[in-house]
Amino acid sequence: MSAVTMEEGKDIVKITPEKLSAEEVSQVVISPCCGAVSIFIGTTRNSFQGKSVTRLEYEAYVPMAETEIKKICAEIRQKWASVKHIAVYHRLGLVPVTEASVILAVSSPHRVESLEAVTYCINALKAGVPIWKKEIYEDKEYSWKENKECFWVQQDK
């Protein structure tokens, strides 16, 4: 029996109202056969187009969001066969300035695949997963935001 065992790839999807941890997400994708872990962390910024933002609020149709994220994971595995583990964590509810809304991590034997896969993952997530963002401003006004990437947003606005 070989000292090197083949570890099955995992897709870990978590949609939660709890605060996200980059350490937790990076740990779930670590593998002894991988030399690269690429991570994307999307955080709440304090301004948008000159307005002072105090927090974001996320809502989702969770069963459909999980299904769509799993499809993205399958697409990643088709495009980058060497990818080992994929983790997609998204927060729901209120997310204060500087806290993470989304954390993605991908492991692979080499950096190029994991970097490309994590970029693809965030772009695909923003384009097609039913998670909605409300931006809340200092003056208590708010705005539901649409991602430019969403396939259901009319491109000819």
Protein backbone atom coordinates (compact mmCIF):
# COMPACT_ATOMS: atom_id res chain seq x y z
CA MET A 1 0.00 0.00 0.00
CA SER A 2 1.31 3.42 -1.00
CA ALA A 3 2.11 6.11 1.56
CA VAL A 4 0.26 8.54 -0.73
CA THR A 5 -3.48 7.97 -0.63
CA MET A 6 -5.94 9.47 -3.04
CA GLU A 7 -8.21 11.85 -1.19
CA GLU A 8 -11.67 12.50 -2.66
CA GLY A 9 -12.39 16.13 -3.57
CA LYS A 10 -14.96 17.95 -1.41
CA ASP A 11 -17.37 20.76 -2.15
CA ILE A 12 -18.32 22.56 1.05
CA VAL A 13 -21.21 25.02 0.86
CA LYS A 14 -22.36 27.00 3.88
CA ILE A 15 -24.99 29.74 3.89
CA THR A 16 -25.35 31.11 7.40
CA PRO A 17 -26.30 34.12 9.51
CA GLU A 18 -23.14 33.52 11.60
CA LYS A 19 -19.96 35.59 11.27
CA LEU A 20 -17.60 34.01 8.72
CA SER A 21 -14.05 32.92 9.52
CA ALA A 22 -11.30 32.95 6.88
CA GLU A 23 -9.30 30.54 9.05
CA GLU A 24 -12.17 28.00 9.11
CA VAL A 25 -12.74 28.24 5.36
CA SER A 26 -9.05 27.87 4.52
CA GLN A 27 -8.70 24.87 6.85
CA VAL A 28 -11.53 22.88 5.20
CA VAL A 29 -9.77 22.94 1.81
CA ILE A 30 -6.24 22.06 2.96
CA SER A 31 -4.92 18.82 1.49
CA PRO A 32 -1.51 17.15 1.72
CA CYS A 33 -1.49 16.74 -2.08
CA CYS A 34 -2.02 20.46 -2.71
CA GLY A 35 0.58 23.20 -2.75
CA ALA A 36 -1.91 26.02 -3.21
CA VAL A 37 -4.95 27.40 -1.40
CA SER A 38 -6.48 30.49 -2.94
CA ILE A 39 -8.99 32.53 -0.95
CA PHE A 40 -11.34 35.36 -1.83
CA ILE A 41 -12.92 37.38 0.98
CA GLY A 42 -15.65 39.86 0.11
CA THR A 43 -16.21 42.43 2.87
CA THR A 44 -18.63 45.28 3.52
CA ARG A 45 -17.07 48.60 2.55
CA ASN A 46 -18.05 51.92 4.15
CA SER A 47 -19.12 53.81 1.04
CA PHE A 48 -20.73 53.42 -2.37
CA GLN A 49 -20.90 56.19 -4.96
CA GLY A 50 -20.42 58.90 -2.35
CA LYS A 51 -22.95 57.51 0.14
CA SER A 52 -21.86 56.39 3.59
CA VAL A 53 -22.70 52.69 4.06
CA THR A 54 -23.23 51.39 7.61
CA ARG A 55 -23.99 47.74 6.81
CA LEU A 56 -25.28 45.28 4.26
CA GLU A 57 -28.18 42.90 4.64
CA TYR A 58 -28.39 39.66 2.67
CA GLU A 59 -31.37 37.46 1.91
CA ALA A 60 -31.43 34.22 -0.05
CA TYR A 61 -33.61 31.44 -1.25
CA VAL A 62 -31.26 29.00 0.48
CA PRO A 63 -32.20 25.66 -1.19
CA MET A 64 -31.86 27.17 -4.66
CA ALA A 65 -28.70 29.09 -3.70
CA GLU A 66 -27.07 25.87 -2.45
CA THR A 67 -28.06 24.05 -5.65
CA GLU A 68 -26.64 26.82 -7.84
CA ILE A 69 -23.38 26.95 -5.86
CA LYS A 70 -22.98 23.18 -6.23
CA LYS A 71 -23.41 23.62 -10.00
CA ILE A 72 -20.61 26.20 -9.93
CA CYS A 73 -18.41 23.72 -8.06
CA ALA A 74 -19.11 21.11 -10.76
CA GLU A 75 -18.22 23.64 -13.48
CA ILE A 76 -14.96 24.41 -11.70
CA ARG A 77 -14.10 20.72 -11.57
CA GLN A 78 -14.74 20.41 -15.31
CA LYS A 79 -12.59 23.45 -16.16
CA TRP A 80 -9.76 22.72 -13.69
CA ALA A 81 -9.51 18.97 -13.17
CA SER A 82 -6.67 19.28 -10.66
CA VAL A 83 -8.77 21.26 -8.15
CA LYS A 84 -9.07 19.26 -4.93
CA HIS A 85 -11.44 21.03 -2.52
CA ILE A 86 -13.81 23.97 -2.93
CA ALA A 87 -15.45 25.92 -0.10
CA VAL A 88 -18.11 28.59 -0.58
CA TYR A 89 -19.37 30.33 2.56
CA HIS A 90 -21.91 33.16 2.33
CA ARG A 91 -23.37 35.15 5.17
CA LEU A 92 -27.03 36.12 5.47
CA GLY A 93 -28.61 38.88 7.54
CA LEU A 94 -26.78 42.00 8.68
CA VAL A 95 -23.08 42.34 7.84
CA PRO A 96 -21.35 45.40 9.38
CA VAL A 97 -18.59 47.36 7.65
CA THR A 98 -15.28 45.41 7.44
CA GLU A 99 -16.91 42.01 8.10
CA ALA A 100 -16.97 39.25 5.48
CA SER A 101 -20.07 38.60 3.39
CA VAL A 102 -18.54 35.82 1.36
CA ILE A 103 -15.42 33.67 1.65
CA LEU A 104 -14.35 31.27 -1.09
CA ALA A 105 -11.39 28.90 -1.00
CA VAL A 106 -10.00 26.47 -3.56
CA SER A 107 -7.09 24.06 -3.19
CA SER A 108 -5.07 22.54 -6.01
CA PRO A 109 -1.57 21.14 -6.52
CA HIS A 110 -0.42 24.40 -8.15
CA ARG A 111 -1.40 28.08 -7.76
CA VAL A 112 -2.61 28.87 -11.28
CA GLU A 113 -5.58 26.50 -11.12
CA SER A 114 -6.70 27.59 -7.65
CA LEU A 115 -6.37 31.30 -8.49
CA GLU A 116 -8.32 30.94 -11.72
CA ALA A 117 -10.95 28.75 -10.06
CA VAL A 118 -11.56 31.15 -7.15
CA THR A 119 -11.95 34.05 -9.62
CA TYR A 120 -14.39 32.03 -11.70
CA CYS A 121 -16.29 31.05 -8.56
CA ILE A 122 -16.95 34.59 -7.30
CA ASN A 123 -17.93 35.81 -10.75
CA ALA A 124 -20.33 32.89 -11.29
CA LEU A 125 -21.77 33.28 -7.78
CA LYS A 126 -22.52 36.98 -8.36
CA ALA A 127 -23.97 36.23 -11.81
CA GLY A 128 -26.38 33.46 -10.98
CA VAL A 129 -26.94 32.59 -7.32
CA PRO A 130 -30.19 33.88 -5.72
CA ILE A 131 -28.65 35.88 -2.90
CA TRP A 132 -29.83 39.49 -2.62
CA LYS A 133 -28.01 42.44 -1.06
CA LYS A 134 -29.49 45.52 0.57
CA GLU A 135 -27.13 48.42 1.20
CA ILE A 136 -28.05 50.47 4.28
CA TYR A 137 -26.78 54.04 4.46
CA GLU A 138 -25.89 56.36 7.32
CA ASP A 139 -29.08 58.41 6.71
CA LYS A 140 -31.12 55.18 7.26
CA GLU A 141 -32.08 55.01 3.58
CA TYR A 142 -31.35 51.78 1.76
CA SER A 143 -31.04 50.34 -1.71
CA TRP A 144 -31.45 46.78 -2.96
CA LYS A 145 -28.43 46.17 -5.19
CA GLU A 146 -28.33 44.15 -8.37
CA ASN A 147 -25.10 42.68 -9.59
CA LYS A 148 -24.16 43.81 -13.07
CA GLU A 149 -23.20 40.20 -13.71
CA CYS A 150 -26.68 38.75 -13.01
CA PHE A 151 -28.08 36.96 -16.02
CA TRP A 152 -31.58 38.24 -15.22
CA VAL A 153 -30.53 41.93 -15.26
CA GLN A 154 -31.34 43.56 -18.59
CA GLN A 155 -28.14 44.49 -20.35
CA ASP A 156 -29.70 47.36 -22.32
CA LYS A 157 -30.58 49.64 -19.37
